[in-house]
Amino acid sequence: MMFSTHTSFTQLGFRTDTPLPTAWTIFWKIIVFAILEDFYNYWIHRLLHWKVIYKYVHRLHHEIATPIAFSSEYVHPIETFVVGLGTFLGPFLLTRHLLTFWVWIAVRTMQSVECHLGYDLPLSLTSWIPFWGGPVHHDFHHIKPDCNYSTFFTIWDWVFGTDIKFREAQHIKYITGKSSWSDIIYKLGLASYVNNSQSEKEKKGN
């Protein structure tokens, strides 16, 4: 399917000639693509959970309560189109070479599969990038659909407060020795955020 883009995308102005983009150019552009796509997808994902339209589109994806790799593509055609717009946003704004686009699509596909893998791989980027989402973050979304909407990173969920349930759950697992995911929270200096949230609940309970 990727090779079929050669004809259609060259008609849209993408190049396939030499010189090829450097590794550095491809790298920084993919970082920007991921940031743009992540912000776009966060809001589209929240919109798809709006109860007025949820049952018609995104509910199909949530039929799989325990994600597996192939469930990343188990979505309604409308969702494929709307979410896909975010994937194409960066390439259309910042690049005109098809090689960069192909590398980006490969990265985006692998990220989506890993996100739905249901298993945190030993060499997962979660271990290297503190705000990388990964399967643990997204698995919780399939358990509690009203939180953890981000795709690549956890930043927007934190900024807009849609990860509170997740952070509290992971904090409990961490202090009971059942999970190391909360190490990320401490690296980011967010442990106090979770503790304050729990303290407020205790005060209200009293």
N, C-alpha and C. Protein backbone atom coordinates (compact mmCIF):
# COMPACT_ATOMS: atom_id res chain seq x y z
N MET A 1 0.82 -1.20 0.00
CA MET A 1 0.00 0.00 0.00
C MET A 1 0.87 1.26 0.00
N MET A 2 2.00 1.19 0.74
CA MET A 2 2.88 2.35 0.79
C MET A 2 3.43 2.68 -0.59
N PHE A 3 3.78 1.65 -1.36
CA PHE A 3 4.34 1.91 -2.68
C PHE A 3 3.29 2.48 -3.64
N SER A 4 2.02 2.22 -3.34
CA SER A 4 0.97 2.78 -4.19
C SER A 4 0.88 4.29 -4.03
N THR A 5 1.48 4.81 -2.95
CA THR A 5 1.45 6.26 -2.73
C THR A 5 2.40 6.99 -3.69
N HIS A 6 3.27 6.24 -4.35
CA HIS A 6 4.25 6.89 -5.24
C HIS A 6 3.57 7.75 -6.28
N THR A 7 2.60 7.15 -6.99
CA THR A 7 1.92 7.89 -8.06
C THR A 7 1.05 9.01 -7.51
N SER A 8 0.21 8.67 -6.52
CA SER A 8 -0.74 9.66 -6.00
C SER A 8 -0.05 10.81 -5.30
N PHE A 9 0.99 10.54 -4.53
CA PHE A 9 1.63 11.59 -3.75
C PHE A 9 2.57 12.45 -4.60
N THR A 10 3.16 11.87 -5.63
CA THR A 10 3.96 12.71 -6.52
C THR A 10 3.08 13.72 -7.25
N GLN A 11 1.83 13.33 -7.48
CA GLN A 11 0.89 14.27 -8.09
C GLN A 11 0.52 15.39 -7.13
N LEU A 12 0.69 15.13 -5.84
CA LEU A 12 0.40 16.15 -4.82
C LEU A 12 1.62 16.99 -4.49
N GLY A 13 2.72 16.75 -5.20
CA GLY A 13 3.90 17.58 -5.01
C GLY A 13 5.04 16.94 -4.25
N PHE A 14 4.90 15.67 -3.84
CA PHE A 14 5.99 15.00 -3.14
C PHE A 14 7.08 14.58 -4.13
N ARG A 15 8.34 14.65 -3.67
CA ARG A 15 9.47 14.31 -4.54
C ARG A 15 9.99 12.90 -4.24
N THR A 16 10.61 12.30 -5.23
CA THR A 16 11.27 11.01 -5.05
C THR A 16 12.70 11.05 -5.59
N ASP A 17 13.15 12.23 -5.96
CA ASP A 17 14.46 12.34 -6.59
C ASP A 17 15.57 12.47 -5.55
N THR A 18 16.78 12.53 -6.03
CA THR A 18 17.93 12.77 -5.17
C THR A 18 18.28 14.26 -5.21
N PRO A 19 18.98 14.77 -4.20
CA PRO A 19 19.50 14.03 -3.05
C PRO A 19 18.41 13.66 -2.06
N LEU A 20 18.60 12.50 -1.43
CA LEU A 20 17.66 12.06 -0.42
C LEU A 20 17.82 12.91 0.84
N PRO A 21 16.77 13.05 1.62
CA PRO A 21 16.90 13.79 2.88
C PRO A 21 17.88 13.09 3.81
N THR A 22 18.62 13.85 4.58
CA THR A 22 19.59 13.27 5.51
C THR A 22 18.87 12.59 6.67
N ALA A 23 19.60 11.74 7.38
CA ALA A 23 19.02 11.04 8.54
C ALA A 23 18.55 12.05 9.59
N TRP A 24 19.33 13.13 9.77
CA TRP A 24 18.95 14.16 10.74
C TRP A 24 17.65 14.85 10.33
N THR A 25 17.51 15.15 9.05
CA THR A 25 16.29 15.79 8.56
C THR A 25 15.08 14.91 8.79
N ILE A 26 15.23 13.62 8.47
CA ILE A 26 14.12 12.68 8.69
C ILE A 26 13.79 12.59 10.17
N PHE A 27 14.83 12.55 11.02
CA PHE A 27 14.64 12.40 12.46
C PHE A 27 13.85 13.57 13.05
N TRP A 28 14.31 14.81 12.79
CA TRP A 28 13.64 15.95 13.44
C TRP A 28 12.24 16.17 12.89
N LYS A 29 12.05 15.84 11.62
CA LYS A 29 10.71 15.99 11.06
C LYS A 29 9.74 14.98 11.65
N ILE A 30 10.21 13.76 11.89
CA ILE A 30 9.34 12.75 12.48
C ILE A 30 8.96 13.14 13.91
N ILE A 31 9.89 13.75 14.63
CA ILE A 31 9.57 14.25 15.97
C ILE A 31 8.45 15.28 15.89
N VAL A 32 8.56 16.20 14.96
CA VAL A 32 7.53 17.23 14.78
C VAL A 32 6.22 16.59 14.34
N PHE A 33 6.29 15.62 13.43
CA PHE A 33 5.07 14.93 12.99
C PHE A 33 4.36 14.30 14.18
N ALA A 34 5.14 13.66 15.06
CA ALA A 34 4.56 12.98 16.22
C ALA A 34 3.89 13.96 17.16
N ILE A 35 4.51 15.13 17.36
CA ILE A 35 3.93 16.15 18.24
C ILE A 35 2.62 16.67 17.67
N LEU A 36 2.61 16.97 16.37
CA LEU A 36 1.39 17.46 15.71
C LEU A 36 0.29 16.41 15.75
N GLU A 37 0.66 15.18 15.41
CA GLU A 37 -0.33 14.10 15.37
C GLU A 37 -0.89 13.82 16.76
N ASP A 38 -0.02 13.89 17.76
CA ASP A 38 -0.44 13.59 19.13
C ASP A 38 -1.46 14.60 19.63
N PHE A 39 -1.21 15.88 19.35
CA PHE A 39 -2.15 16.92 19.78
C PHE A 39 -3.47 16.78 19.04
N TYR A 40 -3.41 16.57 17.75
CA TYR A 40 -4.62 16.38 16.94
C TYR A 40 -5.40 15.16 17.41
N ASN A 41 -4.70 14.05 17.59
CA ASN A 41 -5.36 12.80 17.95
C ASN A 41 -5.97 12.86 19.34
N TYR A 42 -5.32 13.60 20.25
CA TYR A 42 -5.87 13.73 21.60
C TYR A 42 -7.29 14.27 21.55
N TRP A 43 -7.50 15.36 20.81
CA TRP A 43 -8.82 16.00 20.76
C TRP A 43 -9.81 15.20 19.91
N ILE A 44 -9.34 14.59 18.83
CA ILE A 44 -10.23 13.75 18.03
C ILE A 44 -10.67 12.54 18.84
N HIS A 45 -9.73 11.97 19.59
CA HIS A 45 -10.05 10.80 20.42
C HIS A 45 -11.08 11.16 21.48
N ARG A 46 -10.92 12.31 22.11
CA ARG A 46 -11.91 12.76 23.09
C ARG A 46 -13.27 12.98 22.44
N LEU A 47 -13.26 13.55 21.23
CA LEU A 47 -14.50 13.78 20.51
C LEU A 47 -15.20 12.46 20.19
N LEU A 48 -14.42 11.45 19.81
CA LEU A 48 -15.00 10.15 19.48
C LEU A 48 -15.62 9.47 20.69
N HIS A 49 -15.23 9.91 21.89
CA HIS A 49 -15.84 9.38 23.11
C HIS A 49 -17.06 10.19 23.56
N TRP A 50 -17.40 11.22 22.82
CA TRP A 50 -18.61 11.98 23.10
C TRP A 50 -19.80 11.05 22.92
N LYS A 51 -20.64 10.95 23.94
CA LYS A 51 -21.69 9.94 23.96
C LYS A 51 -22.66 10.03 22.79
N VAL A 52 -22.77 11.21 22.17
CA VAL A 52 -23.68 11.38 21.04
C VAL A 52 -23.23 10.56 19.84
N ILE A 53 -21.92 10.44 19.65
CA ILE A 53 -21.42 9.72 18.47
C ILE A 53 -20.64 8.45 18.81
N TYR A 54 -20.33 8.26 20.09
CA TYR A 54 -19.48 7.13 20.49
C TYR A 54 -20.00 5.79 19.98
N LYS A 55 -21.29 5.53 20.16
CA LYS A 55 -21.83 4.22 19.80
C LYS A 55 -21.84 3.96 18.30
N TYR A 56 -21.73 5.02 17.52
CA TYR A 56 -21.78 4.86 16.07
C TYR A 56 -20.40 4.62 15.44
N VAL A 57 -19.35 5.06 16.13
CA VAL A 57 -18.02 4.98 15.52
C VAL A 57 -17.00 4.28 16.42
N HIS A 58 -16.61 4.93 17.51
CA HIS A 58 -15.47 4.47 18.30
C HIS A 58 -15.79 3.26 19.17
N ARG A 59 -17.04 3.01 19.40
CA ARG A 59 -17.42 1.87 20.23
C ARG A 59 -16.89 0.56 19.65
N LEU A 60 -16.82 0.47 18.34
CA LEU A 60 -16.31 -0.74 17.67
C LEU A 60 -14.91 -1.09 18.18
N HIS A 61 -14.06 -0.08 18.29
CA HIS A 61 -12.69 -0.32 18.74
C HIS A 61 -12.67 -0.81 20.18
N HIS A 62 -13.58 -0.34 21.00
CA HIS A 62 -13.60 -0.72 22.41
C HIS A 62 -14.33 -2.03 22.68
N GLU A 63 -14.75 -2.70 21.63
CA GLU A 63 -15.28 -4.06 21.81
C GLU A 63 -14.18 -4.99 22.30
N ILE A 64 -12.96 -4.63 22.03
CA ILE A 64 -11.81 -5.40 22.51
C ILE A 64 -11.34 -4.78 23.82
N ALA A 65 -11.74 -5.39 24.92
CA ALA A 65 -11.41 -4.83 26.24
C ALA A 65 -9.94 -5.02 26.58
N THR A 66 -9.34 -6.11 26.11
CA THR A 66 -7.93 -6.38 26.34
C THR A 66 -7.20 -6.31 25.01
N PRO A 67 -6.55 -5.19 24.73
CA PRO A 67 -5.95 -4.98 23.40
C PRO A 67 -4.88 -6.00 23.03
N ILE A 68 -4.83 -6.31 21.75
CA ILE A 68 -3.74 -7.09 21.16
C ILE A 68 -3.23 -6.28 19.97
N ALA A 69 -2.11 -6.68 19.42
CA ALA A 69 -1.47 -5.89 18.36
C ALA A 69 -2.42 -5.57 17.22
N PHE A 70 -3.15 -6.57 16.74
CA PHE A 70 -4.01 -6.35 15.58
C PHE A 70 -5.23 -5.47 15.89
N SER A 71 -5.54 -5.31 17.16
CA SER A 71 -6.70 -4.48 17.51
C SER A 71 -6.45 -3.00 17.21
N SER A 72 -5.20 -2.65 16.96
CA SER A 72 -4.90 -1.26 16.62
C SER A 72 -5.60 -0.85 15.33
N GLU A 73 -5.87 -1.82 14.47
CA GLU A 73 -6.54 -1.53 13.20
C GLU A 73 -8.01 -1.93 13.20
N TYR A 74 -8.49 -2.38 14.35
CA TYR A 74 -9.90 -2.78 14.46
C TYR A 74 -10.73 -1.54 14.79
N VAL A 75 -10.99 -0.74 13.77
CA VAL A 75 -11.69 0.52 13.96
C VAL A 75 -12.70 0.73 12.83
N HIS A 76 -13.63 1.62 13.08
CA HIS A 76 -14.65 1.98 12.08
C HIS A 76 -13.98 2.74 10.93
N PRO A 77 -14.44 2.56 9.70
CA PRO A 77 -13.86 3.29 8.56
C PRO A 77 -13.85 4.80 8.74
N ILE A 78 -14.89 5.33 9.37
CA ILE A 78 -14.92 6.78 9.62
C ILE A 78 -13.79 7.18 10.55
N GLU A 79 -13.54 6.37 11.57
CA GLU A 79 -12.44 6.66 12.49
C GLU A 79 -11.10 6.57 11.78
N THR A 80 -10.95 5.59 10.92
CA THR A 80 -9.71 5.45 10.15
C THR A 80 -9.43 6.72 9.36
N PHE A 81 -10.46 7.27 8.74
CA PHE A 81 -10.29 8.47 7.92
C PHE A 81 -9.99 9.69 8.78
N VAL A 82 -10.80 9.91 9.82
CA VAL A 82 -10.66 11.12 10.64
C VAL A 82 -9.33 11.12 11.40
N VAL A 83 -9.00 10.00 12.03
CA VAL A 83 -7.74 9.91 12.76
C VAL A 83 -6.56 9.97 11.79
N GLY A 84 -6.73 9.36 10.62
CA GLY A 84 -5.67 9.37 9.63
C GLY A 84 -5.28 10.76 9.15
N LEU A 85 -6.21 11.70 9.22
CA LEU A 85 -5.90 13.07 8.81
C LEU A 85 -4.77 13.65 9.65
N GLY A 86 -4.74 13.29 10.93
CA GLY A 86 -3.68 13.76 11.81
C GLY A 86 -2.33 13.17 11.44
N THR A 87 -2.34 11.94 10.96
CA THR A 87 -1.10 11.29 10.55
C THR A 87 -0.51 11.97 9.32
N PHE A 88 -1.37 12.46 8.43
CA PHE A 88 -0.91 13.11 7.21
C PHE A 88 -0.63 14.60 7.40
N LEU A 89 -1.05 15.16 8.54
CA LEU A 89 -0.92 16.59 8.77
C LEU A 89 0.53 17.07 8.67
N GLY A 90 1.42 16.43 9.43
CA GLY A 90 2.81 16.82 9.43
C GLY A 90 3.49 16.73 8.08
N PRO A 91 3.39 15.58 7.41
CA PRO A 91 4.03 15.45 6.09
C PRO A 91 3.57 16.50 5.08
N PHE A 92 2.29 16.83 5.09
CA PHE A 92 1.81 17.81 4.12
C PHE A 92 2.27 19.23 4.46
N LEU A 93 2.55 19.47 5.74
CA LEU A 93 3.00 20.81 6.15
C LEU A 93 4.51 21.00 6.04
N LEU A 94 5.27 19.91 6.31
CA LEU A 94 6.70 20.09 6.50
C LEU A 94 7.62 19.34 5.55
N THR A 95 7.11 18.43 4.76
CA THR A 95 8.02 17.68 3.90
C THR A 95 7.45 17.53 2.51
N ARG A 96 8.35 17.35 1.59
CA ARG A 96 7.92 17.10 0.22
C ARG A 96 8.70 15.94 -0.38
N HIS A 97 9.36 15.16 0.47
CA HIS A 97 10.06 13.98 -0.05
C HIS A 97 9.37 12.72 0.46
N LEU A 98 9.11 11.82 -0.46
CA LEU A 98 8.32 10.63 -0.13
C LEU A 98 9.04 9.71 0.83
N LEU A 99 10.38 9.73 0.84
CA LEU A 99 11.12 8.87 1.76
C LEU A 99 10.81 9.22 3.20
N THR A 100 10.78 10.50 3.52
CA THR A 100 10.45 10.94 4.87
C THR A 100 9.05 10.49 5.25
N PHE A 101 8.14 10.60 4.31
CA PHE A 101 6.76 10.17 4.55
C PHE A 101 6.69 8.68 4.83
N TRP A 102 7.40 7.88 4.06
CA TRP A 102 7.38 6.43 4.25
C TRP A 102 7.94 6.03 5.62
N VAL A 103 9.05 6.68 6.01
CA VAL A 103 9.64 6.38 7.32
C VAL A 103 8.65 6.75 8.42
N TRP A 104 7.99 7.88 8.27
CA TRP A 104 7.00 8.32 9.26
C TRP A 104 5.85 7.33 9.37
N ILE A 105 5.33 6.84 8.26
CA ILE A 105 4.23 5.88 8.28
C ILE A 105 4.66 4.59 8.98
N ALA A 106 5.90 4.16 8.74
CA ALA A 106 6.41 2.97 9.40
C ALA A 106 6.49 3.17 10.91
N VAL A 107 7.00 4.34 11.32
CA VAL A 107 7.10 4.65 12.75
C VAL A 107 5.72 4.73 13.38
N ARG A 108 4.79 5.38 12.72
CA ARG A 108 3.43 5.54 13.25
C ARG A 108 2.73 4.20 13.37
N THR A 109 2.93 3.31 12.39
CA THR A 109 2.31 1.99 12.44
C THR A 109 2.88 1.17 13.59
N MET A 110 4.20 1.19 13.75
CA MET A 110 4.83 0.43 14.84
C MET A 110 4.39 0.96 16.19
N GLN A 111 4.25 2.30 16.30
CA GLN A 111 3.80 2.88 17.56
C GLN A 111 2.39 2.44 17.90
N SER A 112 1.52 2.43 16.90
CA SER A 112 0.13 2.03 17.12
C SER A 112 0.03 0.57 17.53
N VAL A 113 0.83 -0.28 16.88
CA VAL A 113 0.83 -1.70 17.22
C VAL A 113 1.37 -1.91 18.63
N GLU A 114 2.47 -1.23 18.96
CA GLU A 114 3.05 -1.38 20.30
C GLU A 114 2.07 -0.90 21.37
N CYS A 115 1.37 0.18 21.07
CA CYS A 115 0.41 0.76 22.00
C CYS A 115 -0.69 -0.24 22.36
N HIS A 116 -1.05 -1.09 21.41
CA HIS A 116 -2.11 -2.07 21.61
C HIS A 116 -1.57 -3.48 21.87
N LEU A 117 -0.29 -3.58 22.11
CA LEU A 117 0.34 -4.89 22.23
C LEU A 117 -0.11 -5.65 23.47
N GLY A 118 -0.46 -4.91 24.52
CA GLY A 118 -0.86 -5.57 25.75
C GLY A 118 0.32 -6.06 26.57
N TYR A 119 1.52 -5.69 26.14
CA TYR A 119 2.74 -6.12 26.83
C TYR A 119 3.80 -5.04 26.70
N ASP A 120 4.40 -4.67 27.81
CA ASP A 120 5.43 -3.64 27.81
C ASP A 120 6.77 -4.29 27.49
N LEU A 121 7.22 -4.17 26.26
CA LEU A 121 8.46 -4.81 25.82
C LEU A 121 9.67 -4.30 26.60
N PRO A 122 10.68 -5.17 26.83
CA PRO A 122 11.87 -4.76 27.60
C PRO A 122 12.57 -3.54 27.01
N LEU A 123 12.60 -3.42 25.69
CA LEU A 123 13.28 -2.30 25.05
C LEU A 123 12.30 -1.22 24.60
N SER A 124 11.13 -1.20 25.20
CA SER A 124 10.12 -0.22 24.83
C SER A 124 10.63 1.19 25.11
N LEU A 125 10.16 2.15 24.31
CA LEU A 125 10.56 3.54 24.53
C LEU A 125 10.05 4.08 25.86
N THR A 126 9.11 3.37 26.48
CA THR A 126 8.64 3.77 27.81
C THR A 126 9.79 3.80 28.80
N SER A 127 10.78 2.93 28.58
CA SER A 127 11.94 2.86 29.48
C SER A 127 12.93 3.98 29.24
N TRP A 128 12.81 4.66 28.09
CA TRP A 128 13.80 5.66 27.72
C TRP A 128 13.23 7.08 27.67
N ILE A 129 11.95 7.19 27.36
CA ILE A 129 11.31 8.51 27.26
C ILE A 129 10.26 8.61 28.36
N PRO A 130 10.47 9.46 29.37
CA PRO A 130 9.57 9.51 30.53
C PRO A 130 8.11 9.76 30.20
N PHE A 131 7.84 10.51 29.13
CA PHE A 131 6.45 10.85 28.82
C PHE A 131 5.91 10.06 27.63
N TRP A 132 6.55 8.93 27.32
CA TRP A 132 6.05 8.06 26.26
C TRP A 132 4.87 7.26 26.79
N GLY A 133 3.80 7.14 25.99
CA GLY A 133 2.60 6.46 26.45
C GLY A 133 2.79 4.96 26.60
N GLY A 134 2.81 4.26 25.48
CA GLY A 134 3.04 2.82 25.52
C GLY A 134 1.82 2.02 25.91
N PRO A 135 1.97 0.68 25.96
CA PRO A 135 0.83 -0.21 26.21
C PRO A 135 0.21 -0.07 27.59
N VAL A 136 1.01 0.20 28.62
CA VAL A 136 0.45 0.34 29.97
C VAL A 136 -0.52 1.51 30.03
N HIS A 137 -0.11 2.60 29.44
CA HIS A 137 -0.93 3.81 29.41
C HIS A 137 -2.22 3.58 28.63
N HIS A 138 -2.11 2.94 27.47
CA HIS A 138 -3.30 2.76 26.62
C HIS A 138 -4.19 1.62 27.09
N ASP A 139 -3.60 0.59 27.68
CA ASP A 139 -4.41 -0.50 28.24
C ASP A 139 -5.41 0.04 29.26
N PHE A 140 -4.94 1.01 30.05
CA PHE A 140 -5.82 1.58 31.07
C PHE A 140 -6.99 2.31 30.43
N HIS A 141 -6.76 2.90 29.26
CA HIS A 141 -7.85 3.57 28.53
C HIS A 141 -8.93 2.57 28.14
N HIS A 142 -8.53 1.36 27.79
CA HIS A 142 -9.52 0.35 27.43
C HIS A 142 -10.27 -0.17 28.66
N ILE A 143 -9.67 0.01 29.83
CA ILE A 143 -10.35 -0.36 31.08
C ILE A 143 -11.23 0.78 31.56
N LYS A 144 -10.69 2.00 31.52
CA LYS A 144 -11.41 3.21 31.91
C LYS A 144 -11.43 4.16 30.71
N PRO A 145 -12.44 4.07 29.85
CA PRO A 145 -12.45 4.83 28.59
C PRO A 145 -12.52 6.35 28.73
N ASP A 146 -12.75 6.85 29.95
CA ASP A 146 -12.88 8.30 30.11
C ASP A 146 -11.55 8.96 30.49
N CYS A 147 -10.44 8.30 30.21
CA CYS A 147 -9.14 8.89 30.50
C CYS A 147 -8.09 8.34 29.52
N ASN A 148 -6.89 8.94 29.57
CA ASN A 148 -5.77 8.49 28.74
C ASN A 148 -6.11 8.50 27.25
N TYR A 149 -6.32 9.69 26.71
CA TYR A 149 -6.69 9.81 25.29
C TYR A 149 -5.48 9.99 24.36
N SER A 150 -4.32 10.29 24.92
CA SER A 150 -3.16 10.59 24.09
C SER A 150 -2.68 9.39 23.29
N THR A 151 -1.97 9.68 22.20
CA THR A 151 -1.47 8.62 21.32
C THR A 151 0.00 8.31 21.60
N PHE A 152 0.87 9.26 21.30
CA PHE A 152 2.31 9.04 21.47
C PHE A 152 2.76 9.30 22.91
N PHE A 153 2.40 10.47 23.41
CA PHE A 153 2.95 10.93 24.67
C PHE A 153 1.84 11.03 25.73
N THR A 154 2.26 11.24 26.98
CA THR A 154 1.29 11.37 28.08
C THR A 154 1.06 12.83 28.46
N ILE A 155 1.73 13.73 27.77
CA ILE A 155 1.73 15.14 28.17
C ILE A 155 0.34 15.76 28.14
N TRP A 156 -0.42 15.58 27.05
CA TRP A 156 -1.71 16.26 26.93
C TRP A 156 -2.71 15.73 27.94
N ASP A 157 -2.64 14.45 28.27
CA ASP A 157 -3.52 13.92 29.32
C ASP A 157 -3.22 14.58 30.65
N TRP A 158 -1.94 14.81 30.90
CA TRP A 158 -1.57 15.47 32.15
C TRP A 158 -2.01 16.93 32.15
N VAL A 159 -1.75 17.63 31.04
CA VAL A 159 -2.08 19.06 30.93
C VAL A 159 -3.57 19.28 31.13
N PHE A 160 -4.40 18.43 30.53
CA PHE A 160 -5.85 18.63 30.57
C PHE A 160 -6.54 17.77 31.63
N GLY A 161 -5.75 17.12 32.48
CA GLY A 161 -6.30 16.40 33.62
C GLY A 161 -7.10 15.16 33.30
N THR A 162 -6.79 14.51 32.18
CA THR A 162 -7.54 13.31 31.82
C THR A 162 -6.77 12.03 32.13
N ASP A 163 -5.80 12.14 33.02
CA ASP A 163 -5.04 10.94 33.40
C ASP A 163 -5.01 10.73 34.92
N ILE A 164 -5.86 11.45 35.64
CA ILE A 164 -5.84 11.39 37.11
C ILE A 164 -6.09 9.98 37.61
N LYS A 165 -7.10 9.32 37.07
CA LYS A 165 -7.41 7.95 37.50
C LYS A 165 -6.23 7.02 37.24
N PHE A 166 -5.59 7.20 36.09
CA PHE A 166 -4.46 6.36 35.73
C PHE A 166 -3.29 6.57 36.69
N ARG A 167 -2.96 7.82 36.98
CA ARG A 167 -1.82 8.10 37.86
C ARG A 167 -2.08 7.58 39.27
N GLU A 168 -3.30 7.71 39.72
CA GLU A 168 -3.63 7.20 41.05
C GLU A 168 -3.51 5.68 41.10
N ALA A 169 -4.01 5.02 40.05
CA ALA A 169 -3.93 3.56 39.99
C ALA A 169 -2.49 3.08 39.93
N GLN A 170 -1.66 3.76 39.12
CA GLN A 170 -0.26 3.36 39.00
C GLN A 170 0.52 3.67 40.27
N HIS A 171 0.14 4.74 40.96
CA HIS A 171 0.81 5.08 42.21
C HIS A 171 0.56 3.99 43.25
N ILE A 172 -0.67 3.52 43.32
CA ILE A 172 -1.01 2.45 44.26
C ILE A 172 -0.23 1.18 43.93
N LYS A 173 -0.15 0.85 42.65
CA LYS A 173 0.62 -0.33 42.23
C LYS A 173 2.09 -0.17 42.58
N TYR A 174 2.59 1.06 42.43
CA TYR A 174 4.01 1.30 42.68
C TYR A 174 4.36 1.13 44.15
N ILE A 175 3.57 1.72 45.02
CA ILE A 175 3.89 1.65 46.45
C ILE A 175 3.65 0.26 47.02
N THR A 176 2.89 -0.57 46.31
CA THR A 176 2.68 -1.95 46.75
C THR A 176 3.62 -2.91 46.03
N GLY A 177 4.52 -2.36 45.22
CA GLY A 177 5.52 -3.17 44.54
C GLY A 177 5.02 -3.95 43.35
N LYS A 178 3.86 -3.59 42.81
CA LYS A 178 3.28 -4.34 41.69
C LYS A 178 3.60 -3.73 40.33
N SER A 179 4.18 -2.55 40.31
CA SER A 179 4.47 -1.91 39.04
C SER A 179 5.62 -0.92 39.20
N SER A 180 6.42 -0.79 38.16
CA SER A 180 7.50 0.20 38.17
C SER A 180 7.15 1.39 37.30
N TRP A 181 5.93 1.40 36.74
CA TRP A 181 5.56 2.47 35.82
C TRP A 181 5.61 3.83 36.52
N SER A 182 5.29 3.87 37.80
CA SER A 182 5.25 5.15 38.51
C SER A 182 6.63 5.77 38.65
N ASP A 183 7.69 5.03 38.34
CA ASP A 183 9.01 5.63 38.32
C ASP A 183 9.01 6.85 37.40
N ILE A 184 8.25 6.76 36.33
CA ILE A 184 8.16 7.85 35.37
C ILE A 184 7.58 9.09 36.03
N ILE A 185 6.57 8.89 36.86
CA ILE A 185 5.94 10.01 37.55
C ILE A 185 6.96 10.71 38.45
N TYR A 186 7.76 9.93 39.16
CA TYR A 186 8.75 10.52 40.05
C TYR A 186 9.84 11.24 39.28
N LYS A 187 10.23 10.69 38.12
CA LYS A 187 11.23 11.35 37.28
C LYS A 187 10.73 12.72 36.81
N LEU A 188 9.45 12.80 36.59
CA LEU A 188 8.86 14.06 36.13
C LEU A 188 8.50 14.99 37.28
N GLY A 189 8.69 14.51 38.52
CA GLY A 189 8.36 15.32 39.67
C GLY A 189 6.87 15.43 39.90
N LEU A 190 6.12 14.41 39.48
CA LEU A 190 4.67 14.48 39.58
C LEU A 190 4.11 13.63 40.72
N ALA A 191 4.99 13.02 41.49
CA ALA A 191 4.51 12.20 42.60
C ALA A 191 3.71 13.04 43.59
N SER A 192 4.18 14.27 43.82
CA SER A 192 3.48 15.16 44.75
C SER A 192 2.08 15.47 44.24
N TYR A 193 1.94 15.51 42.91
CA TYR A 193 0.62 15.77 42.30
C TYR A 193 -0.35 14.66 42.68
N VAL A 194 0.12 13.42 42.60
CA VAL A 194 -0.72 12.28 42.96
C VAL A 194 -1.01 12.28 44.44
N ASN A 195 0.04 12.53 45.26
CA ASN A 195 -0.14 12.53 46.70
C ASN A 195 -1.11 13.61 47.15
N ASN A 196 -1.01 14.80 46.55
CA ASN A 196 -1.92 15.89 46.89
C ASN A 196 -3.35 15.55 46.53
N SER A 197 -3.51 14.87 45.38
CA SER A 197 -4.84 14.47 44.95
C SER A 197 -5.45 13.50 45.95
N GLN A 198 -4.63 12.56 46.43
CA GLN A 198 -5.12 11.59 47.41
C GLN A 198 -5.41 12.26 48.75
N SER A 199 -4.57 13.24 49.12
CA SER A 199 -4.78 13.95 50.38
C SER A 199 -6.09 14.72 50.37
N GLU A 200 -6.40 15.34 49.23
CA GLU A 200 -7.65 16.08 49.09
C GLU A 200 -8.84 15.15 49.26
N LYS A 201 -8.74 13.95 48.70
CA LYS A 201 -9.83 12.98 48.83
C LYS A 201 -10.02 12.56 50.29
N GLU A 202 -8.88 12.38 50.99
CA GLU A 202 -8.95 11.98 52.39
C GLU A 202 -9.59 13.08 53.24
N LYS A 203 -9.25 14.34 52.93
CA LYS A 203 -9.83 15.47 53.67
C LYS A 203 -11.34 15.53 53.46
N LYS A 204 -11.75 15.32 52.21
CA LYS A 204 -13.18 15.34 51.92
C LYS A 204 -13.90 14.19 52.61
N GLY A 205 -13.18 13.06 52.72
CA GLY A 205 -13.78 11.90 53.36
C GLY A 205 -13.99 12.11 54.85
N ASN A 206 -13.09 12.93 55.44
CA ASN A 206 -13.22 13.24 56.86
C ASN A 206 -14.24 14.34 57.09
